[in-house]
Amino acid sequence: MVAIRTSNSGVAEGWSRGTACRNGNGSFSTDGRNLFSYSKKIGFTSPDGRKVLVEYTAATGHFISQTTSGKHISPARRVADEVMHPSIFKSLEGVS
């Protein structure tokens, strides 16, 4: 499936609708189920269909970059059904 090119807000909205899309330079993308900032998964769709955003920001102590926090997390927060702390996500994924 070819991902639709759109704005950062469009990527977040695409994730909420289950549509594959990416921003102009490919740094923010979704396959419709998972949401990525660069290659880092920052969101996923739960088994019951809820959109869960992993909050990789300075406030959680898990800052990645200004782009991830401000330009990717921010629009995704507006469409997410739930926001999860990164340490909880890592424990669920079995990642250290």
N, C-alpha and C. Protein backbone atom coordinates (compact mmCIF):
# COMPACT_ATOMS: atom_id res chain seq x y z
N MET A 1 0.84 -1.18 0.00
CA MET A 1 0.00 0.00 0.00
C MET A 1 0.89 1.25 0.00
N VAL A 2 0.57 2.20 -0.82
CA VAL A 2 1.32 3.45 -0.91
C VAL A 2 0.75 4.43 0.11
N ALA A 3 1.63 5.03 0.88
CA ALA A 3 1.22 6.00 1.88
C ALA A 3 0.93 7.34 1.22
N ILE A 4 -0.16 7.96 1.62
CA ILE A 4 -0.55 9.28 1.13
C ILE A 4 0.38 10.32 1.75
N ARG A 5 0.84 11.29 0.96
CA ARG A 5 1.64 12.40 1.49
C ARG A 5 0.71 13.49 1.99
N THR A 6 1.00 13.98 3.19
CA THR A 6 0.14 14.99 3.80
C THR A 6 0.94 15.79 4.83
N SER A 7 0.27 16.67 5.54
CA SER A 7 0.89 17.47 6.60
C SER A 7 1.03 16.64 7.87
N ASN A 8 1.71 17.18 8.87
CA ASN A 8 1.82 16.49 10.15
C ASN A 8 0.44 16.26 10.78
N SER A 9 -0.43 17.25 10.71
CA SER A 9 -1.79 17.07 11.23
C SER A 9 -2.52 16.00 10.44
N GLY A 10 -2.28 15.97 9.13
CA GLY A 10 -2.89 14.95 8.28
C GLY A 10 -2.43 13.55 8.62
N VAL A 11 -1.16 13.40 9.01
CA VAL A 11 -0.65 12.09 9.42
C VAL A 11 -1.38 11.64 10.69
N ALA A 12 -1.51 12.54 11.66
CA ALA A 12 -2.22 12.20 12.89
C ALA A 12 -3.67 11.82 12.60
N GLU A 13 -4.32 12.59 11.75
CA GLU A 13 -5.71 12.29 11.39
C GLU A 13 -5.80 10.96 10.63
N GLY A 14 -4.83 10.70 9.76
CA GLY A 14 -4.80 9.43 9.05
C GLY A 14 -4.68 8.25 10.00
N TRP A 15 -3.81 8.38 11.01
CA TRP A 15 -3.67 7.35 12.03
C TRP A 15 -5.00 7.11 12.73
N SER A 16 -5.70 8.19 13.06
CA SER A 16 -6.98 8.05 13.77
C SER A 16 -8.03 7.34 12.91
N ARG A 17 -7.91 7.45 11.59
CA ARG A 17 -8.87 6.81 10.66
C ARG A 17 -8.38 5.45 10.15
N GLY A 18 -7.12 5.11 10.46
CA GLY A 18 -6.57 3.84 9.99
C GLY A 18 -6.05 3.90 8.56
N THR A 19 -5.62 5.08 8.12
CA THR A 19 -5.13 5.28 6.76
C THR A 19 -3.62 5.46 6.75
N ALA A 20 -2.93 4.74 5.88
CA ALA A 20 -1.47 4.88 5.76
C ALA A 20 -1.14 6.23 5.13
N CYS A 21 -0.25 7.00 5.77
CA CYS A 21 0.19 8.27 5.21
C CYS A 21 1.50 8.69 5.87
N ARG A 22 2.12 9.72 5.28
CA ARG A 22 3.38 10.24 5.78
C ARG A 22 3.46 11.73 5.47
N ASN A 23 4.33 12.43 6.19
CA ASN A 23 4.53 13.84 5.88
C ASN A 23 5.49 13.96 4.70
N GLY A 24 5.77 15.18 4.29
CA GLY A 24 6.56 15.43 3.09
C GLY A 24 7.94 14.82 3.07
N ASN A 25 8.65 14.82 4.20
CA ASN A 25 10.00 14.25 4.22
C ASN A 25 10.05 12.84 4.80
N GLY A 26 8.89 12.29 5.14
CA GLY A 26 8.82 10.92 5.65
C GLY A 26 9.21 10.75 7.10
N SER A 27 9.43 11.85 7.83
CA SER A 27 9.84 11.73 9.23
C SER A 27 8.69 11.39 10.17
N PHE A 28 7.46 11.59 9.74
CA PHE A 28 6.27 11.30 10.53
C PHE A 28 5.35 10.46 9.66
N SER A 29 5.02 9.27 10.12
CA SER A 29 4.25 8.37 9.26
C SER A 29 3.38 7.41 10.07
N THR A 30 2.44 6.81 9.38
CA THR A 30 1.59 5.78 9.96
C THR A 30 1.26 4.75 8.90
N ASP A 31 1.13 3.51 9.34
CA ASP A 31 0.64 2.45 8.47
C ASP A 31 -0.86 2.26 8.69
N GLY A 32 -1.44 3.16 9.48
CA GLY A 32 -2.85 3.10 9.83
C GLY A 32 -3.08 2.50 11.20
N ARG A 33 -2.16 1.67 11.65
CA ARG A 33 -2.25 1.05 12.99
C ARG A 33 -1.20 1.64 13.94
N ASN A 34 0.02 1.76 13.46
CA ASN A 34 1.13 2.28 14.26
C ASN A 34 1.52 3.67 13.76
N LEU A 35 2.04 4.47 14.67
CA LEU A 35 2.45 5.84 14.36
C LEU A 35 3.94 5.96 14.66
N PHE A 36 4.68 6.57 13.75
CA PHE A 36 6.14 6.65 13.87
C PHE A 36 6.65 8.08 13.73
N SER A 37 7.62 8.42 14.59
CA SER A 37 8.41 9.64 14.45
C SER A 37 9.78 9.14 14.06
N TYR A 38 10.20 9.46 12.84
CA TYR A 38 11.39 8.84 12.26
C TYR A 38 11.11 7.34 12.28
N SER A 39 11.92 6.52 12.87
CA SER A 39 11.62 5.09 12.90
C SER A 39 11.14 4.63 14.28
N LYS A 40 10.93 5.57 15.20
CA LYS A 40 10.51 5.25 16.57
C LYS A 40 8.99 5.17 16.64
N LYS A 41 8.46 4.05 17.14
CA LYS A 41 7.01 3.92 17.30
C LYS A 41 6.58 4.82 18.45
N ILE A 42 5.67 5.76 18.15
CA ILE A 42 5.17 6.67 19.17
C ILE A 42 3.67 6.50 19.39
N GLY A 43 3.06 5.59 18.66
CA GLY A 43 1.64 5.34 18.84
C GLY A 43 1.27 3.99 18.27
N PHE A 44 0.17 3.45 18.77
CA PHE A 44 -0.30 2.16 18.29
C PHE A 44 -1.81 2.08 18.45
N THR A 45 -2.39 1.07 17.83
CA THR A 45 -3.81 0.81 17.95
C THR A 45 -3.99 -0.39 18.86
N SER A 46 -4.74 -0.23 19.92
CA SER A 46 -4.95 -1.32 20.87
C SER A 46 -5.84 -2.39 20.24
N PRO A 47 -5.89 -3.57 20.83
CA PRO A 47 -6.74 -4.63 20.28
C PRO A 47 -8.22 -4.24 20.16
N ASP A 48 -8.66 -3.31 21.03
CA ASP A 48 -10.06 -2.87 20.94
C ASP A 48 -10.24 -1.65 20.04
N GLY A 49 -9.18 -1.25 19.31
CA GLY A 49 -9.28 -0.17 18.32
C GLY A 49 -8.97 1.22 18.82
N ARG A 50 -8.58 1.36 20.08
CA ARG A 50 -8.25 2.69 20.61
C ARG A 50 -6.87 3.11 20.13
N LYS A 51 -6.72 4.38 19.83
CA LYS A 51 -5.44 4.95 19.41
C LYS A 51 -4.70 5.42 20.66
N VAL A 52 -3.51 4.82 20.89
CA VAL A 52 -2.73 5.10 22.10
C VAL A 52 -1.43 5.78 21.69
N LEU A 53 -1.23 6.99 22.20
CA LEU A 53 -0.03 7.77 21.94
C LEU A 53 0.96 7.57 23.07
N VAL A 54 2.22 7.32 22.75
CA VAL A 54 3.28 7.20 23.76
C VAL A 54 3.95 8.57 23.84
N GLU A 55 3.89 9.18 25.01
CA GLU A 55 4.32 10.57 25.16
C GLU A 55 5.82 10.71 25.40
N TYR A 56 6.56 10.69 24.30
CA TYR A 56 8.01 10.88 24.36
C TYR A 56 8.30 12.38 24.38
N THR A 57 8.23 12.97 25.58
CA THR A 57 8.47 14.41 25.75
C THR A 57 9.38 14.63 26.96
N ALA A 58 9.87 15.85 27.10
CA ALA A 58 10.70 16.20 28.26
C ALA A 58 9.91 16.04 29.56
N ALA A 59 8.62 16.32 29.52
CA ALA A 59 7.80 16.23 30.73
C ALA A 59 7.77 14.82 31.30
N THR A 60 7.92 13.81 30.46
CA THR A 60 7.92 12.42 30.94
C THR A 60 9.33 11.92 31.22
N GLY A 61 10.34 12.74 30.90
CA GLY A 61 11.72 12.33 31.08
C GLY A 61 12.21 11.43 29.95
N HIS A 62 11.48 11.39 28.85
CA HIS A 62 11.82 10.53 27.71
C HIS A 62 11.86 11.34 26.42
N PHE A 63 12.53 12.49 26.48
CA PHE A 63 12.64 13.39 25.34
C PHE A 63 13.46 12.74 24.23
N ILE A 64 12.98 12.80 23.00
CA ILE A 64 13.72 12.30 21.85
C ILE A 64 14.29 13.46 21.06
N SER A 65 13.42 14.37 20.63
CA SER A 65 13.85 15.55 19.88
C SER A 65 12.74 16.59 19.91
N GLN A 66 13.11 17.82 19.57
CA GLN A 66 12.09 18.88 19.49
C GLN A 66 11.07 18.56 18.41
N THR A 67 11.53 17.99 17.31
CA THR A 67 10.61 17.64 16.23
C THR A 67 9.62 16.59 16.70
N THR A 68 10.11 15.54 17.34
CA THR A 68 9.19 14.50 17.83
C THR A 68 8.20 15.08 18.82
N SER A 69 8.68 15.83 19.80
CA SER A 69 7.80 16.38 20.83
C SER A 69 6.81 17.40 20.29
N GLY A 70 7.31 18.36 19.53
CA GLY A 70 6.47 19.47 19.09
C GLY A 70 5.70 19.25 17.81
N LYS A 71 6.31 18.60 16.85
CA LYS A 71 5.69 18.49 15.53
C LYS A 71 5.02 17.14 15.27
N HIS A 72 5.32 16.13 16.07
CA HIS A 72 4.72 14.81 15.87
C HIS A 72 3.79 14.44 17.03
N ILE A 73 4.29 14.53 18.27
CA ILE A 73 3.46 14.19 19.44
C ILE A 73 2.28 15.16 19.56
N SER A 74 2.54 16.43 19.35
CA SER A 74 1.51 17.45 19.54
C SER A 74 0.26 17.21 18.69
N PRO A 75 0.36 17.05 17.36
CA PRO A 75 -0.88 16.81 16.59
C PRO A 75 -1.49 15.44 16.89
N ALA A 76 -0.67 14.46 17.23
CA ALA A 76 -1.20 13.13 17.54
C ALA A 76 -1.99 13.13 18.85
N ARG A 77 -1.57 13.97 19.79
CA ARG A 77 -2.29 14.07 21.07
C ARG A 77 -3.74 14.48 20.85
N ARG A 78 -3.98 15.32 19.85
CA ARG A 78 -5.35 15.80 19.58
C ARG A 78 -6.29 14.70 19.10
N VAL A 79 -5.75 13.65 18.51
CA VAL A 79 -6.61 12.58 17.98
C VAL A 79 -6.55 11.28 18.78
N ALA A 80 -5.59 11.17 19.70
CA ALA A 80 -5.42 9.94 20.48
C ALA A 80 -6.57 9.73 21.45
N ASP A 81 -6.91 8.49 21.65
CA ASP A 81 -7.92 8.14 22.65
C ASP A 81 -7.30 8.06 24.04
N GLU A 82 -6.00 7.80 24.08
CA GLU A 82 -5.29 7.61 25.34
C GLU A 82 -3.84 8.02 25.15
N VAL A 83 -3.22 8.55 26.20
CA VAL A 83 -1.80 8.89 26.18
C VAL A 83 -1.11 8.04 27.24
N MET A 84 -0.02 7.39 26.84
CA MET A 84 0.68 6.46 27.72
C MET A 84 2.09 6.96 28.01
N HIS A 85 2.54 6.76 29.24
CA HIS A 85 3.92 7.09 29.62
C HIS A 85 4.86 6.10 28.94
N PRO A 86 6.00 6.56 28.42
CA PRO A 86 6.94 5.67 27.73
C PRO A 86 7.42 4.48 28.56
N SER A 87 7.59 4.64 29.86
CA SER A 87 8.06 3.51 30.67
C SER A 87 7.02 2.39 30.72
N ILE A 88 5.76 2.74 30.70
CA ILE A 88 4.70 1.72 30.66
C ILE A 88 4.71 1.02 29.31
N PHE A 89 4.86 1.80 28.25
CA PHE A 89 4.91 1.23 26.91
C PHE A 89 6.09 0.27 26.78
N LYS A 90 7.24 0.67 27.28
CA LYS A 90 8.42 -0.19 27.20
C LYS A 90 8.22 -1.50 27.94
N SER A 91 7.55 -1.44 29.09
CA SER A 91 7.31 -2.67 29.83
C SER A 91 6.31 -3.58 29.10
N LEU A 92 5.35 -3.01 28.42
CA LEU A 92 4.40 -3.78 27.65
C LEU A 92 5.05 -4.44 26.45
N GLU A 93 5.98 -3.71 25.84
CA GLU A 93 6.67 -4.20 24.65
C GLU A 93 7.85 -5.10 24.99
N GLY A 94 8.24 -5.13 26.28
CA GLY A 94 9.40 -5.92 26.68
C GLY A 94 10.71 -5.30 26.26
N VAL A 95 10.71 -3.97 26.10
CA VAL A 95 11.90 -3.24 25.68
C VAL A 95 12.54 -2.63 26.92
N SER A 96 13.85 -2.68 27.00
CA SER A 96 14.52 -2.07 28.16
C SER A 96 14.73 -0.59 27.94
